[in-house]
Amino acid sequence: MSVSQFRRRVIAVVVVCGALAFLLGRFTGFEPRWRGLSDGMTQPEVKQALGSPTRTGTTGTIGAGNRNVARWEYKRGRCTYCVDFDYIGPGGVPVVFRTERFSEEWDWPSWWPWRPAKARA
C-alpha cells in the first residue's frame, strides 16, 4: 500500500467516524426524547419518556380549576427544559400543555486576564 492510499483511507475513516459521532449525538440522548413530547401527555407518560425531573414546582400561572400550573424542570448541561402541566385532562388529570427550553448565556470567567470590557452608561 502506498502512502497516498494510506492517507486516503485514514481520511475516509476520520470522516466516517465524525459522521457516526454526529448521528449518535443527534439521535440518541435527551434531545430526541424531548422533541417527542406532545400536548396532552400525562405525568407518568412524561416520566417514562424523560425520566425523573431535576426539580418540580408550580408556576405563577393559574390554570383550570383555579389551580397553579405544575412545572417539571430538567437540567441538562447549560439548558433547562420545562414541562408545564395543567389540570385539563379527563377528570382533572394534569396533562402537558406547554414545553419550554432555556439556555444559559455564556459569560467570560471573571479570573481571565483578557476579559472584555463592559459598556458603561
PDB file of N, CA and C in Angstrom:
ATOM      1  N   MET A   1       0.851  -1.171   0.000  1.00  0.00           N
ATOM      2  CA  MET A   1       0.000   0.000   0.000  1.00  0.00           C
ATOM      3  C   MET A   1       0.895   1.232   0.000  1.00  0.00           C
ATOM      4  N   SER A   2       0.609   2.130  -0.891  1.00  0.00           N
ATOM      5  CA  SER A   2       1.422   3.348  -0.970  1.00  0.00           C
ATOM      6  C   SER A   2       0.963   4.362   0.080  1.00  0.00           C
ATOM      7  N   VAL A   3       1.776   5.369   0.248  1.00  0.00           N
ATOM      8  CA  VAL A   3       1.491   6.401   1.243  1.00  0.00           C
ATOM      9  C   VAL A   3       0.215   7.160   0.899  1.00  0.00           C
ATOM     10  N   SER A   4      -0.013   7.448  -0.381  1.00  0.00           N
ATOM     11  CA  SER A   4      -1.209   8.199  -0.772  1.00  0.00           C
ATOM     12  C   SER A   4      -2.487   7.383  -0.527  1.00  0.00           C
ATOM     13  N   GLN A   5      -2.438   6.077  -0.760  1.00  0.00           N
ATOM     14  CA  GLN A   5      -3.610   5.224  -0.474  1.00  0.00           C
ATOM     15  C   GLN A   5      -3.860   5.182   1.031  1.00  0.00           C
ATOM     16  N   PHE A   6      -2.799   5.083   1.795  1.00  0.00           N
ATOM     17  CA  PHE A   6      -2.934   5.063   3.257  1.00  0.00           C
ATOM     18  C   PHE A   6      -3.566   6.362   3.756  1.00  0.00           C
ATOM     19  N   ARG A   7      -3.126   7.499   3.232  1.00  0.00           N
ATOM     20  CA  ARG A   7      -3.684   8.797   3.644  1.00  0.00           C
ATOM     21  C   ARG A   7      -5.164   8.898   3.282  1.00  0.00           C
ATOM     22  N   ARG A   8      -5.526   8.438   2.079  1.00  0.00           N
ATOM     23  CA  ARG A   8      -6.934   8.463   1.675  1.00  0.00           C
ATOM     24  C   ARG A   8      -7.789   7.620   2.613  1.00  0.00           C
ATOM     25  N   ARG A   9      -7.302   6.468   2.965  1.00  0.00           N
ATOM     26  CA  ARG A   9      -8.067   5.591   3.868  1.00  0.00           C
ATOM     27  C   ARG A   9      -8.184   6.185   5.260  1.00  0.00           C
ATOM     28  N   VAL A  10      -7.124   6.787   5.741  1.00  0.00           N
ATOM     29  CA  VAL A  10      -7.176   7.421   7.064  1.00  0.00           C
ATOM     30  C   VAL A  10      -8.176   8.576   7.046  1.00  0.00           C
ATOM     31  N   ILE A  11      -8.146   9.383   6.007  1.00  0.00           N
ATOM     32  CA  ILE A  11      -9.092  10.499   5.899  1.00  0.00           C
ATOM     33  C   ILE A  11     -10.524   9.970   5.812  1.00  0.00           C
ATOM     34  N   ALA A  12     -10.746   8.915   5.047  1.00  0.00           N
ATOM     35  CA  ALA A  12     -12.084   8.331   4.934  1.00  0.00           C
ATOM     36  C   ALA A  12     -12.566   7.795   6.282  1.00  0.00           C
ATOM     37  N   VAL A  13     -11.685   7.142   7.020  1.00  0.00           N
ATOM     38  CA  VAL A  13     -12.059   6.619   8.341  1.00  0.00           C
ATOM     39  C   VAL A  13     -12.398   7.764   9.287  1.00  0.00           C
ATOM     40  N   VAL A  14     -11.622   8.848   9.256  1.00  0.00           N
ATOM     41  CA  VAL A  14     -11.891  10.004  10.113  1.00  0.00           C
ATOM     42  C   VAL A  14     -13.233  10.629   9.762  1.00  0.00           C
ATOM     43  N   VAL A  15     -13.532  10.762   8.483  1.00  0.00           N
ATOM     44  CA  VAL A  15     -14.813  11.342   8.058  1.00  0.00           C
ATOM     45  C   VAL A  15     -15.974  10.445   8.475  1.00  0.00           C
ATOM     46  N   VAL A  16     -15.856   9.155   8.288  1.00  0.00           N
ATOM     47  CA  VAL A  16     -16.923   8.230   8.678  1.00  0.00           C
ATOM     48  C   VAL A  16     -17.124   8.241  10.193  1.00  0.00           C
ATOM     49  N   CYS A  17     -16.043   8.241  10.959  1.00  0.00           N
ATOM     50  CA  CYS A  17     -16.167   8.297  12.422  1.00  0.00           C
ATOM     51  C   CYS A  17     -16.803   9.610  12.876  1.00  0.00           C
ATOM     52  N   GLY A  18     -16.437  10.710  12.238  1.00  0.00           N
ATOM     53  CA  GLY A  18     -17.048  12.000  12.572  1.00  0.00           C
ATOM     54  C   GLY A  18     -18.538  12.015  12.274  1.00  0.00           C
ATOM     55  N   ALA A  19     -18.929  11.468  11.114  1.00  0.00           N
ATOM     56  CA  ALA A  19     -20.350  11.408  10.765  1.00  0.00           C
ATOM     57  C   ALA A  19     -21.107  10.505  11.731  1.00  0.00           C
ATOM     58  N   LEU A  20     -20.508   9.390  12.101  1.00  0.00           N
ATOM     59  CA  LEU A  20     -21.153   8.478  13.049  1.00  0.00           C
ATOM     60  C   LEU A  20     -21.321   9.133  14.423  1.00  0.00           C
ATOM     61  N   ALA A  21     -20.298   9.847  14.877  1.00  0.00           N
ATOM     62  CA  ALA A  21     -20.392  10.540  16.162  1.00  0.00           C
ATOM     63  C   ALA A  21     -21.488  11.604  16.131  1.00  0.00           C
ATOM     64  N   PHE A  22     -21.586  12.347  15.027  1.00  0.00           N
ATOM     65  CA  PHE A  22     -22.632  13.361  14.894  1.00  0.00           C
ATOM     66  C   PHE A  22     -24.012  12.717  14.946  1.00  0.00           C
ATOM     67  N   LEU A  23     -24.215  11.640  14.196  1.00  0.00           N
ATOM     68  CA  LEU A  23     -25.515  10.980  14.159  1.00  0.00           C
ATOM     69  C   LEU A  23     -25.886  10.374  15.504  1.00  0.00           C
ATOM     70  N   LEU A  24     -24.932   9.786  16.198  1.00  0.00           N
ATOM     71  CA  LEU A  24     -25.213   9.242  17.531  1.00  0.00           C
ATOM     72  C   LEU A  24     -25.615  10.343  18.505  1.00  0.00           C
ATOM     73  N   GLY A  25     -24.936  11.483  18.441  1.00  0.00           N
ATOM     74  CA  GLY A  25     -25.279  12.599  19.310  1.00  0.00           C
ATOM     75  C   GLY A  25     -26.621  13.206  18.974  1.00  0.00           C
ATOM     76  N   ARG A  26     -26.959  13.194  17.711  1.00  0.00           N
ATOM     77  CA  ARG A  26     -28.214  13.824  17.270  1.00  0.00           C
ATOM     78  C   ARG A  26     -29.437  12.966  17.571  1.00  0.00           C
ATOM     79  N   PHE A  27     -29.313  11.663  17.426  1.00  0.00           N
ATOM     80  CA  PHE A  27     -30.482  10.800  17.516  1.00  0.00           C
ATOM     81  C   PHE A  27     -30.543   9.939  18.766  1.00  0.00           C
ATOM     82  N   THR A  28     -29.656  10.137  19.710  1.00  0.00           N
ATOM     83  CA  THR A  28     -29.740   9.438  20.996  1.00  0.00           C
ATOM     84  C   THR A  28     -29.609  10.478  22.099  1.00  0.00           C
ATOM     85  N   GLY A  29     -29.998  10.134  23.273  1.00  0.00           N
ATOM     86  CA  GLY A  29     -29.869  11.053  24.398  1.00  0.00           C
ATOM     87  C   GLY A  29     -31.176  11.769  24.714  1.00  0.00           C
ATOM     88  N   PHE A  30     -31.056  12.918  25.374  1.00  0.00           N
ATOM     89  CA  PHE A  30     -32.217  13.623  25.904  1.00  0.00           C
ATOM     90  C   PHE A  30     -32.972  14.409  24.837  1.00  0.00           C
ATOM     91  N   GLU A  31     -32.263  15.063  23.930  1.00  0.00           N
ATOM     92  CA  GLU A  31     -32.905  15.963  22.960  1.00  0.00           C
ATOM     93  C   GLU A  31     -33.952  15.282  22.081  1.00  0.00           C
ATOM     94  N   PRO A  32     -33.704  14.110  21.511  1.00  0.00           N
ATOM     95  CA  PRO A  32     -34.752  13.464  20.705  1.00  0.00           C
ATOM     96  C   PRO A  32     -35.975  13.071  21.538  1.00  0.00           C
ATOM     97  N   ARG A  33     -35.745  12.657  22.776  1.00  0.00           N
ATOM     98  CA  ARG A  33     -36.891  12.330  23.640  1.00  0.00           C
ATOM     99  C   ARG A  33     -37.681  13.589  23.954  1.00  0.00           C
ATOM    100  N   TRP A  34     -36.986  14.716  24.130  1.00  0.00           N
ATOM    101  CA  TRP A  34     -37.650  15.990  24.401  1.00  0.00           C
ATOM    102  C   TRP A  34     -38.527  16.396  23.224  1.00  0.00           C
ATOM    103  N   ARG A  35     -38.005  16.226  22.026  1.00  0.00           N
ATOM    104  CA  ARG A  35     -38.777  16.580  20.836  1.00  0.00           C
ATOM    105  C   ARG A  35     -39.991  15.670  20.661  1.00  0.00           C
ATOM    106  N   GLY A  36     -39.979  14.485  21.289  1.00  0.00           N
ATOM    107  CA  GLY A  36     -41.090  13.546  21.175  1.00  0.00           C
ATOM    108  C   GLY A  36     -42.259  13.866  22.089  1.00  0.00           C
ATOM    109  N   LEU A  37     -42.104  14.844  22.997  1.00  0.00           N
ATOM    110  CA  LEU A  37     -43.225  15.216  23.874  1.00  0.00           C
ATOM    111  C   LEU A  37     -44.311  15.903  23.066  1.00  0.00           C
ATOM    112  N   SER A  38     -45.545  15.680  23.475  1.00  0.00           N
ATOM    113  CA  SER A  38     -46.653  16.354  22.803  1.00  0.00           C
ATOM    114  C   SER A  38     -47.671  16.811  23.837  1.00  0.00           C
ATOM    115  N   ASP A  39     -48.470  17.774  23.453  1.00  0.00           N
ATOM    116  CA  ASP A  39     -49.526  18.260  24.338  1.00  0.00           C
ATOM    117  C   ASP A  39     -50.498  17.124  24.631  1.00  0.00           C
ATOM    118  N   GLY A  40     -50.971  17.082  25.869  1.00  0.00           N
ATOM    119  CA  GLY A  40     -51.940  16.073  26.252  1.00  0.00           C
ATOM    120  C   GLY A  40     -51.334  14.840  26.899  1.00  0.00           C
ATOM    121  N   MET A  41     -49.991  14.773  26.993  1.00  0.00           N
ATOM    122  CA  MET A  41     -49.356  13.634  27.659  1.00  0.00           C
ATOM    123  C   MET A  41     -49.528  13.784  29.165  1.00  0.00           C
ATOM    124  N   THR A  42     -49.727  12.673  29.854  1.00  0.00           N
ATOM    125  CA  THR A  42     -49.887  12.700  31.304  1.00  0.00           C
ATOM    126  C   THR A  42     -48.520  12.682  31.981  1.00  0.00           C
ATOM    127  N   GLN A  43     -48.516  12.920  33.293  1.00  0.00           N
ATOM    128  CA  GLN A  43     -47.264  12.930  34.035  1.00  0.00           C
ATOM    129  C   GLN A  43     -46.534  11.588  33.981  1.00  0.00           C
ATOM    130  N   PRO A  44     -47.221  10.445  34.133  1.00  0.00           N
ATOM    131  CA  PRO A  44     -46.492   9.175  34.012  1.00  0.00           C
ATOM    132  C   PRO A  44     -45.893   8.954  32.621  1.00  0.00           C
ATOM    133  N   GLU A  45     -46.565   9.426  31.576  1.00  0.00           N
ATOM    134  CA  GLU A  45     -46.024   9.290  30.222  1.00  0.00           C
ATOM    135  C   GLU A  45     -44.760  10.140  30.050  1.00  0.00           C
ATOM    136  N   VAL A  46     -44.782  11.351  30.605  1.00  0.00           N
ATOM    137  CA  VAL A  46     -43.613  12.222  30.521  1.00  0.00           C
ATOM    138  C   VAL A  46     -42.464  11.627  31.330  1.00  0.00           C
ATOM    139  N   LYS A  47     -42.775  11.099  32.513  1.00  0.00           N
ATOM    140  CA  LYS A  47     -41.738  10.494  33.346  1.00  0.00           C
ATOM    141  C   LYS A  47     -41.114   9.288  32.652  1.00  0.00           C
ATOM    142  N   GLN A  48     -41.922   8.530  31.927  1.00  0.00           N
ATOM    143  CA  GLN A  48     -41.395   7.384  31.194  1.00  0.00           C
ATOM    144  C   GLN A  48     -40.526   7.845  30.021  1.00  0.00           C
ATOM    145  N   ALA A  49     -40.912   8.931  29.367  1.00  0.00           N
ATOM    146  CA  ALA A  49     -40.161   9.420  28.210  1.00  0.00           C
ATOM    147  C   ALA A  49     -38.858  10.114  28.609  1.00  0.00           C
ATOM    148  N   LEU A  50     -38.894  10.949  29.664  1.00  0.00           N
ATOM    149  CA  LEU A  50     -37.744  11.774  30.015  1.00  0.00           C
ATOM    150  C   LEU A  50     -37.030  11.364  31.290  1.00  0.00           C
ATOM    151  N   GLY A  51     -37.670  10.565  32.125  1.00  0.00           N
ATOM    152  CA  GLY A  51     -37.076  10.216  33.409  1.00  0.00           C
ATOM    153  C   GLY A  51     -37.549  11.159  34.499  1.00  0.00           C
ATOM    154  N   SER A  52     -36.966  11.021  35.669  1.00  0.00           N
ATOM    155  CA  SER A  52     -37.351  11.860  36.810  1.00  0.00           C
ATOM    156  C   SER A  52     -36.868  13.283  36.598  1.00  0.00           C
ATOM    157  N   PRO A  53     -37.705  14.272  36.940  1.00  0.00           N
ATOM    158  CA  PRO A  53     -37.302  15.668  36.752  1.00  0.00           C
ATOM    159  C   PRO A  53     -36.242  16.081  37.761  1.00  0.00           C
ATOM    160  N   THR A  54     -35.452  17.073  37.372  1.00  0.00           N
ATOM    161  CA  THR A  54     -34.444  17.634  38.258  1.00  0.00           C
ATOM    162  C   THR A  54     -35.107  18.430  39.380  1.00  0.00           C
ATOM    163  N   ARG A  55     -36.187  19.129  39.034  1.00  0.00           N
ATOM    164  CA  ARG A  55     -36.896  19.958  40.009  1.00  0.00           C
ATOM    165  C   ARG A  55     -38.368  19.999  39.651  1.00  0.00           C
ATOM    166  N   THR A  56     -39.220  20.003  40.651  1.00  0.00           N
ATOM    167  CA  THR A  56     -40.659  20.145  40.428  1.00  0.00           C
ATOM    168  C   THR A  56     -41.144  21.352  41.223  1.00  0.00           C
ATOM    169  N   GLY A  57     -42.243  21.906  40.775  1.00  0.00           N
ATOM    170  CA  GLY A  57     -42.813  23.050  41.468  1.00  0.00           C
ATOM    171  C   GLY A  57     -44.044  23.535  40.737  1.00  0.00           C
ATOM    172  N   THR A  58     -44.401  24.773  41.007  1.00  0.00           N
ATOM    173  CA  THR A  58     -45.541  25.377  40.332  1.00  0.00           C
ATOM    174  C   THR A  58     -45.105  26.697  39.723  1.00  0.00           C
ATOM    175  N   THR A  59     -45.877  27.150  38.748  1.00  0.00           N
ATOM    176  CA  THR A  59     -45.604  28.447  38.136  1.00  0.00           C
ATOM    177  C   THR A  59     -46.573  29.458  38.723  1.00  0.00           C
ATOM    178  N   GLY A  60     -46.404  30.688  38.366  1.00  0.00           N
ATOM    179  CA  GLY A  60     -47.325  31.725  38.820  1.00  0.00           C
ATOM    180  C   GLY A  60     -48.594  31.778  37.989  1.00  0.00           C
ATOM    181  N   THR A  61     -48.701  30.907  37.011  1.00  0.00           N
ATOM    182  CA  THR A  61     -49.856  30.894  36.126  1.00  0.00           C
ATOM    183  C   THR A  61     -50.999  30.121  36.770  1.00  0.00           C
ATOM    184  N   ILE A  62     -52.195  30.682  36.726  1.00  0.00           N
ATOM    185  CA  ILE A  62     -53.382  29.995  37.222  1.00  0.00           C
ATOM    186  C   ILE A  62     -54.013  29.261  36.050  1.00  0.00           C
ATOM    187  N   GLY A  63     -54.225  27.974  36.227  1.00  0.00           N
ATOM    188  CA  GLY A  63     -54.788  27.154  35.158  1.00  0.00           C
ATOM    189  C   GLY A  63     -56.241  26.808  35.428  1.00  0.00           C
ATOM    190  N   ALA A  64     -56.659  25.686  34.882  1.00  0.00           N
ATOM    191  CA  ALA A  64     -58.037  25.231  35.025  1.00  0.00           C
ATOM    192  C   ALA A  64     -58.338  24.922  36.490  1.00  0.00           C
ATOM    193  N   GLY A  65     -59.557  25.201  36.907  1.00  0.00           N
ATOM    194  CA  GLY A  65     -59.975  24.931  38.280  1.00  0.00           C
ATOM    195  C   GLY A  65     -59.306  25.834  39.292  1.00  0.00           C
ATOM    196  N   ASN A  66     -58.812  26.993  38.864  1.00  0.00           N
ATOM    197  CA  ASN A  66     -58.128  27.954  39.736  1.00  0.00           C
ATOM    198  C   ASN A  66     -56.961  27.328  40.497  1.00  0.00           C
ATOM    199  N   ARG A  67     -56.252  26.424  39.859  1.00  0.00           N
ATOM    200  CA  ARG A  67     -55.061  25.823  40.452  1.00  0.00           C
ATOM    201  C   ARG A  67     -53.820  26.344  39.733  1.00  0.00           C
ATOM    202  N   ASN A  68     -52.712  26.398  40.480  1.00  0.00           N
ATOM    203  CA  ASN A  68     -51.451  26.768  39.842  1.00  0.00           C
ATOM    204  C   ASN A  68     -51.013  25.660  38.892  1.00  0.00           C
ATOM    205  N   VAL A  69     -50.376  26.056  37.825  1.00  0.00           N
ATOM    206  CA  VAL A  69     -49.868  25.111  36.846  1.00  0.00           C
ATOM    207  C   VAL A  69     -48.621  24.432  37.424  1.00  0.00           C
ATOM    208  N   ALA A  70     -48.560  23.105  37.345  1.00  0.00           N
ATOM    209  CA  ALA A  70     -47.398  22.348  37.834  1.00  0.00           C
ATOM    210  C   ALA A  70     -46.289  22.406  36.788  1.00  0.00           C
ATOM    211  N   ARG A  71     -45.033  22.503  37.250  1.00  0.00           N
ATOM    212  CA  ARG A  71     -43.890  22.572  36.333  1.00  0.00           C
ATOM    213  C   ARG A  71     -42.831  21.557  36.744  1.00  0.00           C
ATOM    214  N   TRP A  72     -42.375  20.807  35.755  1.00  0.00           N
ATOM    215  CA  TRP A  72     -41.229  19.905  35.929  1.00  0.00           C
ATOM    216  C   TRP A  72     -40.080  20.489  35.144  1.00  0.00           C
ATOM    217  N   GLU A  73     -38.900  20.552  35.775  1.00  0.00           N
ATOM    218  CA  GLU A  73     -37.710  21.074  35.105  1.00  0.00           C
ATOM    219  C   GLU A  73     -36.660  19.982  34.994  1.00  0.00           C
ATOM    220  N   TYR A  74     -36.043  19.936  33.834  1.00  0.00           N
ATOM    221  CA  TYR A  74     -34.951  19.007  33.565  1.00  0.00           C
ATOM    222  C   TYR A  74     -33.729  19.834  33.210  1.00  0.00           C
ATOM    223  N   LYS A  75     -32.668  19.706  33.983  1.00  0.00           N
ATOM    224  CA  LYS A  75     -31.428  20.452  33.740  1.00  0.00           C
ATOM    225  C   LYS A  75     -30.457  19.529  33.024  1.00  0.00           C
ATOM    226  N   ARG A  76     -30.055  19.900  31.821  1.00  0.00           N
ATOM    227  CA  ARG A  76     -29.099  19.137  31.032  1.00  0.00           C
ATOM    228  C   ARG A  76     -28.038  20.099  30.515  1.00  0.00           C
ATOM    229  N   GLY A  77     -26.856  20.052  31.104  1.00  0.00           N
ATOM    230  CA  GLY A  77     -25.778  20.955  30.699  1.00  0.00           C
ATOM    231  C   GLY A  77     -26.152  22.390  31.004  1.00  0.00           C
ATOM    232  N   ARG A  78     -26.054  23.261  30.005  1.00  0.00           N
ATOM    233  CA  ARG A  78     -26.422  24.663  30.184  1.00  0.00           C
ATOM    234  C   ARG A  78     -27.862  24.936  29.811  1.00  0.00           C
ATOM    235  N   CYS A  79     -28.628  23.904  29.484  1.00  0.00           N
ATOM    236  CA  CYS A  79     -30.027  24.072  29.085  1.00  0.00           C
ATOM    237  C   CYS A  79     -30.966  23.588  30.188  1.00  0.00           C
ATOM    238  N   THR A  80     -32.064  24.295  30.328  1.00  0.00           N
ATOM    239  CA  THR A  80     -33.129  23.890  31.234  1.00  0.00           C
ATOM    240  C   THR A  80     -34.377  23.664  30.403  1.00  0.00           C
ATOM    241  N   TYR A  81     -34.939  22.465  30.501  1.00  0.00           N
ATOM    242  CA  TYR A  81     -36.148  22.089  29.778  1.00  0.00           C
ATOM    243  C   TYR A  81     -37.306  22.095  30.773  1.00  0.00           C
ATOM    244  N   CYS A  82     -38.378  22.813  30.460  1.00  0.00           N
ATOM    245  CA  CYS A  82     -39.527  22.929  31.360  1.00  0.00           C
ATOM    246  C   CYS A  82     -40.759  22.316  30.707  1.00  0.00           C
ATOM    247  N   VAL A  83     -41.485  21.518  31.502  1.00  0.00           N
ATOM    248  CA  VAL A  83     -42.744  20.924  31.066  1.00  0.00           C
ATOM    249  C   VAL A  83     -43.809  21.411  32.030  1.00  0.00           C
ATOM    250  N   ASP A  84     -44.835  22.075  31.513  1.00  0.00           N
ATOM    251  CA  ASP A  84     -45.926  22.589  32.339  1.00  0.00           C
ATOM    252  C   ASP A  84     -47.146  21.701  32.194  1.00  0.00           C
ATOM    253  N   PHE A  85     -47.761  21.379  33.336  1.00  0.00           N
ATOM    254  CA  PHE A  85     -48.945  20.533  33.373  1.00  0.00           C
ATOM    255  C   PHE A  85     -50.122  21.348  33.900  1.00  0.00           C
ATOM    256  N   ASP A  86     -51.234  21.284  33.196  1.00  0.00           N
ATOM    257  CA  ASP A  86     -52.465  21.916  33.656  1.00  0.00           C
ATOM    258  C   ASP A  86     -53.505  20.825  33.875  1.00  0.00           C
ATOM    259  N   TYR A  87     -54.445  21.083  34.738  1.00  0.00           N
ATOM    260  CA  TYR A  87     -55.449  20.082  35.114  1.00  0.00           C
ATOM    261  C   TYR A  87     -56.632  20.128  34.155  1.00  0.00           C
ATOM    262  N   ILE A  88     -56.352  19.882  32.870  1.00  0.00           N
ATOM    263  CA  ILE A  88     -57.389  19.969  31.857  1.00  0.00           C
ATOM    264  C   ILE A  88     -57.732  18.612  31.262  1.00  0.00           C
ATOM    265  N   GLY A  89     -57.120  17.570  31.783  1.00  0.00           N
ATOM    266  CA  GLY A  89     -57.380  16.230  31.260  1.00  0.00           C
ATOM    267  C   GLY A  89     -58.716  15.712  31.745  1.00  0.00           C
ATOM    268  N   PRO A  90     -59.105  14.527  31.290  1.00  0.00           N
ATOM    269  CA  PRO A  90     -60.370  13.945  31.734  1.00  0.00           C
ATOM    270  C   PRO A  90     -60.349  13.692  33.240  1.00  0.00           C
ATOM    271  N   GLY A  91     -61.336  14.231  33.931  1.00  0.00           N
ATOM    272  CA  GLY A  91     -61.413  14.079  35.386  1.00  0.00           C
ATOM    273  C   GLY A  91     -60.416  14.940  36.126  1.00  0.00           C
ATOM    274  N   GLY A  92     -59.883  15.964  35.499  1.00  0.00           N
ATOM    275  CA  GLY A  92     -58.939  16.868  36.174  1.00  0.00           C
ATOM    276  C   GLY A  92     -57.530  16.319  36.270  1.00  0.00           C
ATOM    277  N   VAL A  93     -57.160  15.391  35.394  1.00  0.00           N
ATOM    278  CA  VAL A  93     -55.812  14.822  35.393  1.00  0.00           C
ATOM    279  C   VAL A  93     -54.843  15.836  34.787  1.00  0.00           C
ATOM    280  N   PRO A  94     -53.663  16.057  35.409  1.00  0.00           N
ATOM    281  CA  PRO A  94     -52.709  17.007  34.834  1.00  0.00           C
ATOM    282  C   PRO A  94     -52.100  16.466  33.542  1.00  0.00           C
ATOM    283  N   VAL A  95     -52.140  17.282  32.492  1.00  0.00           N
ATOM    284  CA  VAL A  95     -51.563  16.911  31.205  1.00  0.00           C
ATOM    285  C   VAL A  95     -50.668  18.050  30.698  1.00  0.00           C
ATOM    286  N   VAL A  96     -49.760  17.720  29.807  1.00  0.00           N
ATOM    287  CA  VAL A  96     -48.836  18.709  29.235  1.00  0.00           C
ATOM    288  C   VAL A  96     -49.610  19.706  28.389  1.00  0.00           C
ATOM    289  N   PHE A  97     -49.340  20.991  28.631  1.00  0.00           N
ATOM    290  CA  PHE A  97     -49.935  21.992  27.753  1.00  0.00           C
ATOM    291  C   PHE A  97     -48.887  22.971  27.233  1.00  0.00           C
ATOM    292  N   ARG A  98     -47.663  22.914  27.785  1.00  0.00           N
ATOM    293  CA  ARG A  98     -46.620  23.815  27.295  1.00  0.00           C
ATOM    294  C   ARG A  98     -45.247  23.218  27.605  1.00  0.00           C
ATOM    295  N   THR A  99     -44.333  23.342  26.658  1.00  0.00           N
ATOM    296  CA  THR A  99     -42.943  22.947  26.878  1.00  0.00           C
ATOM    297  C   THR A  99     -42.060  24.117  26.483  1.00  0.00           C
ATOM    298  N   GLU A 100     -41.015  24.352  27.273  1.00  0.00           N
ATOM    299  CA  GLU A 100     -40.098  25.456  27.011  1.00  0.00           C
ATOM    300  C   GLU A 100     -38.672  24.985  27.223  1.00  0.00           C
ATOM    301  N   ARG A 101     -37.758  25.646  26.541  1.00  0.00           N
ATOM    302  CA  ARG A 101     -36.344  25.338  26.681  1.00  0.00           C
ATOM    303  C   ARG A 101     -35.593  26.646  26.855  1.00  0.00           C
ATOM    304  N   PHE A 102     -34.793  26.727  27.933  1.00  0.00           N
ATOM    305  CA  PHE A 102     -33.990  27.915  28.200  1.00  0.00           C
ATOM    306  C   PHE A 102     -32.528  27.531  28.157  1.00  0.00           C
ATOM    307  N   SER A 103     -31.725  28.424  27.639  1.00  0.00           N
ATOM    308  CA  SER A 103     -30.290  28.184  27.564  1.00  0.00           C
ATOM    309  C   SER A 103     -29.579  29.309  28.295  1.00  0.00           C
ATOM    310  N   GLU A 104     -28.664  28.945  29.202  1.00  0.00           N
ATOM    311  CA  GLU A 104     -27.908  29.959  29.922  1.00  0.00           C
ATOM    312  C   GLU A 104     -26.936  30.632  28.961  1.00  0.00           C
ATOM    313  N   GLU A 105     -26.808  31.919  29.106  1.00  0.00           N
ATOM    314  CA  GLU A 105     -25.876  32.657  28.268  1.00  0.00           C
ATOM    315  C   GLU A 105     -24.481  32.543  28.863  1.00  0.00           C
ATOM    316  N   TRP A 106     -23.520  32.206  28.018  1.00  0.00           N
ATOM    317  CA  TRP A 106     -22.150  32.026  28.484  1.00  0.00           C
ATOM    318  C   TRP A 106     -21.512  33.370  28.720  1.00  0.00           C
ATOM    319  N   ASP A 107     -20.741  33.476  29.798  1.00  0.00           N
ATOM    320  CA  ASP A 107     -20.054  34.717  30.118  1.00  0.00           C
ATOM    321  C   ASP A 107     -18.580  34.403  30.344  1.00  0.00           C
ATOM    322  N   TRP A 108     -17.746  35.362  30.068  1.00  0.00           N
ATOM    323  CA  TRP A 108     -16.316  35.183  30.288  1.00  0.00           C
ATOM    324  C   TRP A 108     -16.057  34.959  31.772  1.00  0.00           C
ATOM    325  N   PRO A 109     -15.173  34.053  32.135  1.00  0.00           N
ATOM    326  CA  PRO A 109     -14.834  33.862  33.547  1.00  0.00           C
ATOM    327  C   PRO A 109     -14.209  35.127  34.125  1.00  0.00           C
ATOM    328  N   SER A 110     -14.510  35.419  35.375  1.00  0.00           N
ATOM    329  CA  SER A 110     -14.026  36.661  35.992  1.00  0.00           C
ATOM    330  C   SER A 110     -12.518  36.645  36.213  1.00  0.00           C
ATOM    331  N   TRP A 111     -11.919  35.478  36.279  1.00  0.00           N
ATOM    332  CA  TRP A 111     -10.493  35.387  36.564  1.00  0.00           C
ATOM    333  C   TRP A 111      -9.630  35.478  35.309  1.00  0.00           C
ATOM    334  N   TRP A 112     -10.228  35.541  34.102  1.00  0.00           N
ATOM    335  CA  TRP A 112      -9.431  35.656  32.881  1.00  0.00           C
ATOM    336  C   TRP A 112      -8.825  37.049  32.803  1.00  0.00           C
ATOM    337  N   PRO A 113      -7.538  37.156  32.514  1.00  0.00           N
ATOM    338  CA  PRO A 113      -6.910  38.484  32.464  1.00  0.00           C
ATOM    339  C   PRO A 113      -7.360  39.302  31.252  1.00  0.00           C
ATOM    340  N   TRP A 114      -7.812  38.680  30.193  1.00  0.00           N
ATOM    341  CA  TRP A 114      -8.209  39.416  28.990  1.00  0.00           C
ATOM    342  C   TRP A 114      -9.728  39.457  28.828  1.00  0.00           C
ATOM    343  N   ARG A 115     -10.431  39.532  29.924  1.00  0.00           N
ATOM    344  CA  ARG A 115     -11.880  39.617  29.896  1.00  0.00           C
ATOM    345  C   ARG A 115     -12.289  40.909  29.187  1.00  0.00           C
ATOM    346  N   PRO A 116     -13.280  40.840  28.277  1.00  0.00           N
ATOM    347  CA  PRO A 116     -13.666  42.061  27.550  1.00  0.00           C
ATOM    348  C   PRO A 116     -14.311  43.080  28.493  1.00  0.00           C
ATOM    349  N   ALA A 117     -14.066  44.348  28.177  1.00  0.00           N
ATOM    350  CA  ALA A 117     -14.613  45.437  28.989  1.00  0.00           C
ATOM    351  C   ALA A 117     -16.103  45.542  28.790  1.00  0.00           C
ATOM    352  N   LYS A 118     -16.803  45.905  29.860  1.00  0.00           N
ATOM    353  CA  LYS A 118     -18.262  46.091  29.783  1.00  0.00           C
ATOM    354  C   LYS A 118     -18.545  47.530  29.365  1.00  0.00           C
ATOM    355  N   ALA A 119     -19.641  47.699  28.663  1.00  0.00           N
ATOM    356  CA  ALA A 119     -20.061  49.044  28.250  1.00  0.00           C
ATOM    357  C   ALA A 119     -20.532  49.828  29.473  1.00  0.00           C
ATOM    358  N   ARG A 120     -20.215  51.070  29.506  1.00  0.00           N
ATOM    359  CA  ARG A 120     -20.631  51.917  30.638  1.00  0.00           C
ATOM    360  C   ARG A 120     -21.698  52.888  30.173  1.00  0.00           C
ATOM    361  N   ALA A 121     -22.639  53.108  31.049  1.00  0.00           N
ATOM    362  CA  ALA A 121     -23.734  54.022  30.696  1.00  0.00           C
ATOM    363  C   ALA A 121     -23.422  55.427  31.148  1.00  0.00           C
TER     364      ALA A 121
END
